[in-house]
Structures are given as structure tokens and as C-alpha cells.
Protein backbone atom coordinates (compact mmCIF):
# COMPACT_ATOMS: atom_id res chain seq x y z
CA MET A 1 1.79 -35.34 36.30
CA LYS A 2 -1.69 -35.54 34.93
CA ALA A 3 -1.57 -32.02 33.82
CA LYS A 4 1.58 -32.76 31.93
CA TYR A 5 -0.06 -35.79 30.25
CA LEU A 6 -3.18 -33.57 29.43
CA VAL A 7 -1.09 -30.63 27.51
CA LEU A 8 0.88 -33.56 25.55
CA SER A 9 -2.33 -35.22 24.59
CA CYS A 10 -3.92 -31.74 23.54
CA LEU A 11 -0.47 -31.09 21.47
CA LEU A 12 -0.96 -34.37 19.83
CA LEU A 13 -4.45 -33.99 19.02
CA ASN A 14 -3.87 -30.43 17.67
CA LEU A 15 -0.87 -31.96 15.57
CA LEU A 16 -2.99 -34.80 14.06
CA TRP A 17 -6.02 -32.25 13.32
CA GLY A 18 -3.57 -30.05 11.63
CA CYS A 19 -2.13 -32.71 9.60
CA LYS A 20 -5.70 -33.91 8.82
CA ASN A 21 -6.72 -30.45 7.18
CA ALA A 22 -3.53 -29.60 5.62
CA GLU A 23 -3.19 -30.22 1.96
CA PRO A 24 -1.72 -33.67 1.93
CA PHE A 25 2.03 -34.12 0.60
CA GLN A 26 2.54 -35.83 -2.85
CA ASP A 27 4.21 -35.10 -6.01
CA ALA A 28 2.50 -32.47 -7.70
CA ILE A 29 2.45 -29.98 -10.68
CA TYR A 30 2.07 -25.99 -9.73
CA PHE A 31 2.92 -22.59 -11.21
CA SER A 32 6.81 -22.23 -10.89
CA GLY A 33 7.54 -19.74 -8.22
CA THR A 34 4.08 -20.06 -6.36
CA GLU A 35 5.33 -22.36 -3.46
CA LYS A 36 4.91 -19.73 -0.80
CA SER A 37 2.61 -17.32 -2.66
CA ALA A 38 0.25 -17.51 -5.53
CA THR A 39 0.84 -13.85 -6.64
CA SER A 40 3.41 -12.16 -8.66
CA LYS A 41 3.46 -8.36 -8.86
CA PHE A 42 4.66 -5.98 -11.53
CA SER A 43 4.74 -2.45 -12.10
CA ILE A 44 4.82 -1.44 -15.62
CA ASP A 45 5.28 1.78 -17.83
CA GLY A 46 3.78 0.58 -20.89
CA PRO A 47 3.43 -2.84 -23.06
CA THR A 48 5.70 -5.53 -21.91
CA SER A 49 5.86 -9.47 -21.23
CA MET A 50 6.53 -11.54 -18.66
CA GLY A 51 7.19 -15.44 -18.59
CA ILE A 52 5.56 -18.06 -16.64
CA SER A 53 6.17 -21.66 -16.52
CA VAL A 54 4.75 -24.81 -14.48
CA THR A 55 6.88 -27.06 -12.01
CA ALA A 56 6.52 -30.83 -11.24
CA SER A 57 7.71 -31.77 -7.91
CA ALA A 58 9.60 -34.79 -9.30
CA LYS A 59 10.99 -35.16 -12.82
CA VAL A 60 8.33 -36.82 -14.89
CA GLN A 61 8.79 -40.04 -16.62
CA LYS A 62 6.90 -39.20 -19.79
CA ASP A 63 6.03 -35.72 -21.59
CA VAL A 64 3.24 -34.16 -19.50
CA ASN A 65 1.05 -31.75 -21.58
CA ILE A 66 -0.58 -28.99 -19.15
CA LYS A 67 -3.34 -26.56 -20.38
CA LEU A 68 -3.57 -22.95 -19.34
CA LYS A 69 -6.00 -20.07 -19.64
CA ALA A 70 -6.75 -16.61 -18.55
CA ALA A 71 -9.19 -16.59 -15.84
CA PRO A 72 -10.47 -12.99 -15.26
CA GLU A 73 -13.63 -14.46 -13.55
CA ARG A 74 -11.73 -15.22 -10.59
CA VAL A 75 -10.88 -11.94 -9.69
CA ASP A 76 -13.83 -10.90 -7.62
CA ALA A 77 -13.47 -14.23 -5.25
CA TYR A 78 -9.54 -13.24 -5.00
CA ASN A 79 -10.64 -9.74 -3.77
CA GLN A 80 -13.14 -11.13 -1.13
CA GLN A 81 -10.82 -13.65 0.07
CA ASN A 82 -7.81 -11.08 0.48
CA GLY A 83 -9.39 -7.89 1.08
CA LYS A 84 -8.30 -6.29 -2.18
CA GLN A 85 -9.99 -3.95 -4.43
CA TYR A 86 -8.30 -5.09 -7.86
CA LYS A 87 -9.72 -4.96 -11.29
CA PRO A 88 -9.66 -7.40 -14.12
CA LEU A 89 -7.17 -6.28 -16.78
CA PRO A 90 -9.27 -4.67 -19.55
CA ALA A 91 -10.24 -6.65 -22.28
CA GLY A 92 -7.93 -6.30 -25.38
CA SER A 93 -5.18 -5.30 -23.39
CA TYR A 94 -3.49 -8.50 -22.94
CA ASN A 95 -2.79 -12.13 -24.50
CA LEU A 96 -1.11 -15.42 -23.70
CA SER A 97 1.41 -16.52 -26.09
CA LYS A 98 -0.17 -20.14 -26.32
CA ASP A 99 -2.63 -22.05 -24.21
CA ALA A 100 -0.40 -25.08 -23.30
CA VAL A 101 3.09 -25.85 -21.97
CA VAL A 102 5.01 -29.43 -21.86
CA ILE A 103 7.22 -30.86 -19.25
CA LYS A 104 9.64 -32.96 -21.01
CA SER A 105 10.55 -36.46 -20.02
CA GLY A 106 13.05 -36.65 -17.58
CA GLN A 107 12.55 -32.96 -16.60
CA ASN A 108 10.55 -31.06 -13.94
CA ILE A 109 9.91 -27.50 -15.64
CA SER A 110 7.85 -26.72 -18.62
CA ASP A 111 8.61 -24.35 -21.52
CA ARG A 112 7.66 -21.01 -20.67
CA ILE A 113 4.44 -18.93 -21.93
CA LEU A 114 4.43 -15.17 -22.34
CA VAL A 115 1.88 -13.08 -20.73
CA SER A 116 2.00 -9.97 -22.67
CA ILE A 117 0.34 -6.38 -21.93
CA THR A 118 -0.09 -5.25 -25.33
CA SER A 119 -1.60 -1.76 -24.57
CA THR A 120 -2.22 0.46 -21.28
CA GLU A 121 -4.56 2.73 -23.25
CA LYS A 122 -7.73 1.51 -21.19
CA PHE A 123 -5.84 1.55 -17.80
CA GLU A 124 -7.40 3.62 -15.22
CA GLU A 125 -4.90 6.11 -13.31
CA GLY A 126 -4.22 4.72 -9.85
CA VAL A 127 -5.95 1.23 -10.39
CA THR A 128 -4.48 -1.94 -9.76
CA TYR A 129 -5.21 -4.96 -12.11
CA CYS A 130 -5.06 -8.68 -11.55
CA LEU A 131 -4.94 -11.16 -14.12
CA PRO A 132 -5.43 -14.79 -13.04
CA VAL A 133 -4.03 -17.58 -15.00
CA SER A 134 -5.12 -21.07 -14.30
CA ILE A 135 -4.01 -24.64 -15.11
CA THR A 136 -7.18 -26.27 -16.58
CA SER A 137 -5.92 -29.81 -17.19
CA THR A 138 -3.22 -32.08 -17.46
CA ASP A 139 -2.48 -35.69 -18.84
CA GLY A 140 0.15 -36.62 -16.57
CA ASP A 141 -0.21 -39.04 -13.51
CA MET A 142 0.73 -36.17 -10.94
CA LYS A 143 -2.10 -34.09 -9.56
CA VAL A 144 -2.47 -30.37 -9.64
CA LEU A 145 -1.54 -28.64 -6.48
CA GLU A 146 -4.81 -26.65 -5.77
CA SER A 147 -3.21 -24.20 -3.80
CA SER A 148 -1.28 -23.32 -6.86
CA ARG A 149 -3.72 -24.27 -9.57
CA THR A 150 -3.96 -20.39 -10.44
CA MET A 151 -1.35 -17.86 -10.20
CA TYR A 152 -2.68 -14.34 -9.76
CA ILE A 153 -0.32 -11.60 -11.76
CA ILE A 154 -0.85 -8.07 -9.97
CA ILE A 155 -0.17 -5.34 -12.32
CA ASP A 156 -0.15 -1.59 -11.60
CA ARG A 157 0.88 1.16 -13.99
CA THR A 158 3.44 3.28 -12.71
CA ILE A 159 2.26 7.04 -12.39
CA ILE A 160 4.84 9.54 -13.07
CA THR A 161 4.21 13.09 -11.52
CA TYR A 162 5.42 16.34 -9.99
CA ALA A 163 5.80 16.46 -6.18
CA CYS A 164 6.53 19.63 -4.08
CA SER A 165 9.46 20.62 -2.41
CA LEU A 166 9.04 22.07 0.99
CA SER A 167 12.47 23.19 1.84
CA GLY A 168 11.59 26.41 3.37
CA ALA A 169 7.99 26.62 2.52
CA TYR A 170 4.89 25.15 4.14
CA PHE A 171 1.09 25.41 3.89
CA GLN A 172 -1.88 26.64 5.94
CA VAL A 173 -5.05 24.25 5.46
CA PRO A 174 -8.18 26.22 5.94
CA PHE A 175 -9.97 23.73 8.19
CA LYS A 176 -10.24 26.41 11.05
CA ASP A 177 -13.04 28.34 9.27
CA HIS A 178 -15.41 24.91 9.22
CA PRO A 179 -16.98 24.52 12.65
CA GLU A 180 -18.52 21.05 11.45
CA LEU A 181 -14.96 19.86 11.75
CA SER A 182 -14.46 20.82 15.55
CA SER A 183 -15.51 17.25 16.51
CA VAL A 184 -14.34 14.42 14.11
CA PRO A 185 -14.91 11.03 15.53
CA GLN A 186 -12.79 9.10 13.07
CA LEU A 187 -9.80 10.49 11.20
CA SER A 188 -7.02 9.25 8.87
CA ILE A 189 -4.02 11.17 7.17
CA GLU A 190 -1.70 9.81 4.48
CA THR A 191 0.84 11.25 2.37
CA ARG A 192 4.12 10.08 0.25
CA VAL A 193 7.18 12.07 1.79
CA TYR A 194 11.01 12.09 0.88
CA VAL A 195 13.29 13.69 3.36
CA ASN A 196 16.39 15.64 2.37
CA SER A 197 17.82 15.84 5.72
CA PHE A 198 16.38 15.71 9.38
CA GLN A 199 16.33 18.61 11.98
CA SER A 200 19.70 18.65 13.60
CA ARG A 201 18.98 21.21 16.36
CA SER A 202 16.88 20.39 19.43
CA PRO A 203 13.97 19.61 19.77
CA PHE A 204 14.95 17.77 16.13
CA ILE A 205 11.46 18.02 14.92
CA SER A 206 10.47 17.85 11.39
CA SER A 207 6.66 18.65 10.87
CA VAL A 208 5.00 16.71 8.29
CA ILE A 209 1.13 17.28 8.73
CA GLY A 210 -1.62 18.09 11.22
CA ILE A 211 -1.93 20.31 14.38
CA GLU A 212 0.53 20.92 16.93
CA GLU A 213 -0.28 19.34 20.43
CA ASN A 214 -3.47 17.81 19.01
CA PHE A 215 -2.81 15.54 15.97
CA LEU A 216 0.36 16.03 14.41
CA LEU A 217 2.50 13.61 12.16
CA ARG A 218 6.39 14.47 12.63
CA PHE A 219 9.68 13.08 12.45
CA GLY A 220 11.78 13.38 15.81
CA ASP A 221 11.63 14.93 19.33
CA VAL A 222 13.90 15.13 22.39
CA THR A 223 12.50 11.90 23.65
CA ILE A 224 12.94 9.75 20.15
CA ASN A 225 15.39 9.53 17.31
CA LYS A 226 15.15 12.65 14.83
CA GLU A 227 14.75 9.87 12.42
CA GLN A 228 11.57 8.19 13.75
CA LEU A 229 8.02 9.17 12.83
CA GLN A 230 5.75 10.04 15.37
CA LEU A 231 1.96 10.89 15.77
CA ALA A 232 2.09 13.33 18.55
CA GLY A 233 -0.46 15.32 20.46
CA GLY A 234 -3.80 14.48 22.17
CA GLY A 235 -1.98 12.42 25.11
CA TYR A 236 -1.72 9.16 22.94
CA PRO A 237 1.70 9.18 21.02
CA VAL A 238 2.25 6.35 18.70
CA THR A 239 5.98 6.01 17.41
CA SER A 240 7.33 4.02 14.41
CA THR A 241 9.64 1.12 15.16
CA ILE A 242 12.21 2.22 12.58
CA ASP A 243 14.30 4.81 11.55
CA PHE A 244 13.76 6.62 8.24
CA ALA A 245 16.32 7.37 5.69
CA THR A 246 16.99 10.39 3.79
CA LYS A 247 16.86 10.48 -0.06
CA THR A 248 14.14 7.65 -0.26
CA TRP A 249 10.22 7.90 -0.55
CA TYR A 250 8.08 6.65 2.10
CA HIS A 251 4.04 6.39 2.11
CA ILE A 252 3.00 6.99 5.78
CA ALA A 253 -0.54 7.07 7.16
CA ILE A 254 -2.02 7.32 10.51
CA THR A 255 -5.60 6.39 11.42
CA TYR A 256 -7.94 6.76 14.36
CA ASP A 257 -11.25 4.84 14.77
CA GLY A 258 -12.35 6.33 18.10
CA SER A 259 -10.40 3.92 20.13
CA LYS A 260 -7.08 3.12 18.48
CA LEU A 261 -4.16 4.66 16.54
CA ARG A 262 -2.40 2.74 13.84
CA LEU A 263 0.52 3.88 12.00
CA TYR A 264 1.30 2.47 8.75
CA ILE A 265 4.74 2.65 6.66
CA ASN A 266 4.59 1.85 3.04
CA GLY A 267 1.04 0.21 3.48
CA GLU A 268 2.11 -2.05 6.36
CA LEU A 269 1.09 -1.83 10.11
CA ASN A 270 4.18 -0.53 11.78
CA ALA A 271 2.88 0.52 15.46
CA SER A 272 -0.39 1.17 17.13
CA THR A 273 -1.84 1.97 20.43
CA ASP A 274 -5.01 2.29 22.30
CA ALA A 275 -6.16 5.59 22.38
CA PRO A 276 -9.57 6.81 23.89
CA ARG A 277 -9.06 10.32 23.43
CA GLY A 278 -12.62 11.28 22.12
CA ASN A 279 -13.39 13.03 19.08
CA ILE A 280 -10.37 15.26 17.16
CA ASN A 281 -10.94 19.10 16.61
CA LEU A 282 -9.36 20.02 13.10
CA THR A 283 -10.42 23.67 13.63
CA ASP A 284 -8.05 24.03 16.72
CA LYS A 285 -5.93 27.40 16.14
CA TRP A 286 -3.09 26.11 18.30
CA SER A 287 0.27 27.04 16.83
CA GLY A 288 -1.45 27.95 13.37
CA GLY A 289 -4.08 25.47 13.06
CA PHE A 290 -3.86 22.39 10.48
CA GLN A 291 -0.46 22.78 8.51
CA ILE A 292 1.79 20.89 6.06
CA GLY A 293 5.45 21.26 6.47
CA THR A 294 5.56 23.07 9.69
CA SER A 295 4.09 23.48 13.32
CA ALA A 296 4.79 25.76 16.51
CA GLY A 297 5.86 28.66 14.13
CA GLY A 298 8.83 26.51 12.73
CA ARG A 299 9.84 22.86 12.77
CA TYR A 300 10.10 22.82 9.09
CA LEU A 301 10.25 19.92 7.01
CA ASP A 302 13.51 19.70 4.78
CA GLY A 303 11.84 17.27 2.15
CA VAL A 304 9.22 16.76 -0.82
CA ILE A 305 5.47 15.81 -0.45
CA SER A 306 2.94 14.16 -2.52
CA GLU A 307 -0.23 12.54 -2.64
CA THR A 308 -1.55 13.88 0.75
CA ARG A 309 -5.11 13.13 1.92
CA VAL A 310 -7.34 13.56 5.00
CA TRP A 311 -10.22 11.32 5.70
CA THR A 312 -13.01 11.61 8.14
CA LYS A 313 -13.01 7.64 8.61
CA ALA A 314 -10.44 5.22 9.65
CA LEU A 315 -8.90 3.60 6.75
CA SER A 316 -8.49 -0.14 6.60
CA GLU A 317 -4.86 -1.82 6.25
CA ALA A 318 -6.31 -2.95 2.77
CA GLU A 319 -7.02 0.70 1.80
CA VAL A 320 -4.04 2.20 3.03
CA LEU A 321 -1.98 -0.72 0.90
CA ASN A 322 -4.21 -0.34 -2.16
CA ASN A 323 -4.46 3.29 -2.92
CA MET A 324 -0.72 4.59 -1.96
CA CYS A 325 -0.39 6.25 -5.38
CA TYR A 326 -3.75 7.53 -6.11
CA VAL A 327 -7.21 7.29 -4.93
CA ASP A 328 -10.44 8.06 -6.61
CA PRO A 329 -11.23 12.00 -5.71
CA THR A 330 -14.97 11.31 -5.12
CA SER A 331 -14.29 8.53 -2.54
CA LYS A 332 -16.75 8.65 0.21
CA ASP A 333 -15.50 10.49 3.60
CA LEU A 334 -12.45 11.93 1.51
CA LEU A 335 -12.10 15.56 3.18
CA ALA A 336 -9.04 16.80 1.41
CA TYR A 337 -6.86 15.53 -1.30
CA TRP A 338 -3.74 17.31 -2.66
CA ARG A 339 -1.93 15.68 -5.32
CA PHE A 340 0.99 18.19 -5.50
CA ASN A 341 1.22 17.76 -9.19
CA GLU A 342 0.84 21.18 -10.37
CA GLY A 343 4.42 21.76 -11.50
CA THR A 344 4.45 25.42 -11.19
CA GLY A 345 2.98 28.12 -9.00
CA ILE A 346 2.17 28.43 -5.33
CA GLU A 347 -1.21 27.06 -5.23
CA VAL A 348 -2.37 23.52 -4.72
CA LYS A 349 -5.76 22.10 -5.69
CA ASP A 350 -7.92 20.05 -3.31
CA TRP A 351 -9.17 17.44 -5.77
CA SER A 352 -11.90 16.38 -3.25
CA GLY A 353 -13.79 19.00 -4.36
CA ASN A 354 -14.59 20.36 -0.86
CA GLY A 355 -12.57 23.68 -1.64
CA TYR A 356 -9.55 23.22 0.44
CA ASP A 357 -7.30 24.57 -1.97
CA ILE A 358 -3.91 25.76 -0.44
CA LYS A 359 -1.52 28.31 -0.96
CA ALA A 360 2.46 28.25 0.01
CA SER A 361 3.80 30.55 2.56
CA SER A 362 6.68 31.41 0.11
CA ARG A 363 6.39 33.57 -3.07
CA SER A 364 7.97 30.65 -5.20
CA LEU A 365 8.06 26.67 -4.90
CA ASN A 366 10.58 24.15 -6.10
CA TRP A 367 8.74 21.44 -8.05
CA VAL A 368 10.18 18.06 -8.72
CA GLU A 369 9.52 16.24 -11.88
CA GLY A 370 9.65 12.76 -12.80
CA ILE A 371 8.37 11.09 -9.46
CA ARG A 372 7.26 7.61 -9.84
CA CYS A 373 4.96 5.84 -8.12
CA PRO A 374 5.37 2.71 -7.31
CA GLU A 375 9.06 3.40 -7.71
């Protein structure tokens, strides 16, 4: 009985402590739609506008005037708090249609203010931008809900590129000629992939990228569904918890920090496993070495590929999420970077500058144009 009362007492103390530290409930003013999250995300192709408004948790008894302002100085603090790498919108690329809104008497939602992106000329490729808009003052009796005083508008510019169809073609990566890659303590591989169809014959493997029996990202096997993604080889497989769909673009990534493997799908951690396997040999010549679109002399990928990168470090979840569409080619620890954006020919450039250009196994390649990221 004493133990029971002790547990109940602890639960009561935790509840009281949580209530003491939570933001106290009272009628308040906040940006509309920020009850659960203070961020709103938009992907744009060019100049555009979006409307925002302010909400009161109860109807106001008289007109309430609310002043607003853009607050780009808040971006750094937001990044530090949330593990992001956003940049403030370039000066001169946006404006607010006005600096105040009104909640009319008897209502609880204000008129709208338009946030306009007037130009994308200064936008950098692959960069995600953040525009904080803050409530600076109000003349009503209600206080501003502090957690929703600022709305963070996240904006990225849609990148439109070519991509490479691997149906019947594959690439050999010349890592085997570089002995310094025979013992890599950390590794990350990421790519965007679109599957036309999964293998229908045993062993039901559609190879994406890596080295057979060593470190290979692939769909399917005799022990898993042909639509599941798996990092195979090295004795520590990690398998996706979902089945992938055909005719759909995905960003996939696998990271290894020397002790753990983590599998990401569209920037979110999907599966992981402890893997004290030691350093990884990227020069292993087993089944042809490091390849894209094939393994073990077959097991081809019937699909399309884009934005493929190999890193000699374990990417963080924030790094995976923030850079699915593009990354700075001069990034530290970027070993190889194939954008597959040539649109013609059979050779693909390594944007990292490390010289790992690759050539297709076939005499011609099919290139797919108009690929959007994000979609």
C-alpha cells in the first residue's frame, strides 16, 4: 500500500510541476493556424503571395488593433533551437502589404495581411529560407500567446532538373582505385529514387547503390517484401518499416556513425539498428565494387535516380532533412555528388570536385526532364 501511495504522490507532484511550468490557459491572441506549430511551409516557383491573419481565442468586445512586422533577426535563434540551417529571405525579395490588422468587435479573426515574395532572383539554389513575422503590440485586453507571437514562414524554391532513367543501365563508381577509401569509419549515402516496377523474380532485389555483401541499399530480398528498402551487407541489415510505392519520388538515406545504422525516408528516421561492424571498405571489388543501379552482376533497378551523394561522415537528421534537393558541392566530408542533371549523353559529373565522374554501362541513356524537388 505504501508503494501505491508513493506512486500516486509522485504522479500528483509531476502533474502539479507540469502545470506550474506550462503556459497558463487564458484567452489570448495568436497567429491563425499556429496552435500546434508556429511554422508554415511553402514551395514556390516564382513571385507569389500568401495571406496570414490573427485569431483571438474568444470573440472580442471591441475592435482590437494588432501591429505586425517582419523579424528576419529571429532566424538564427530559430535555427539553433530547431537544428535547422535556414537563411533569412534576401533583402528586397519580399514585402508585407501592411503593418497592422484589426479584429472587429464581435469577431475573433482579423482581416488578412499579404506576405508577398516579389522576386526570386537572389535566391540560392537548394537554400531554404525563413521569414519570421511577429506580433509587436496590441491595444486589446487579451495578451499575446508567447509561443505563437511569431509565425515562421519557411520557403524553398522548387528546383526543376533532369533525372536519369536506369532501366537497363547502371554505373560503376571508381572508388576501388583509391586505397584511402579501404577503411572508412563513418559513411552516409543518399539519393532520390523513383521506381517504375520492382523485381518480380527471385531474389526480388532491385539494387540502388553500394557494394554487394558489404554496404548496399536495395529494395527487396527473399526474406523481405520486394517493396521494402534495406541496407544489406556487413552483418547488420536495417530494413524499412514501410513498403514503397511505384511511380513516386522518395529521398532515401542511410548513415553509419561507427556504431549505429540509421535509415531515413523523405528526411525522417524510419529504422535503425546497432551495428558495431568496424570501418567500411569502399574499395571492395566483390561483385563489381561500388555501383549504382545494379549488384552481383544483375539485380537491376527499373527506375529513375537523381541527387545522389556519398559522405565520409554520418549525416544528422537535420542535415538529411534540410538538403534533400541540393547541397553545396564544397561541403566538408562530401566524397562524391552526382546530380544526374546532364540531360544528354552517358557521362555524369561528380560535383564534389573529387573526380569521381561516372559513365553508364549502356551506349545511351534515357533522361527524364521536368523533375521537381520538392514536388
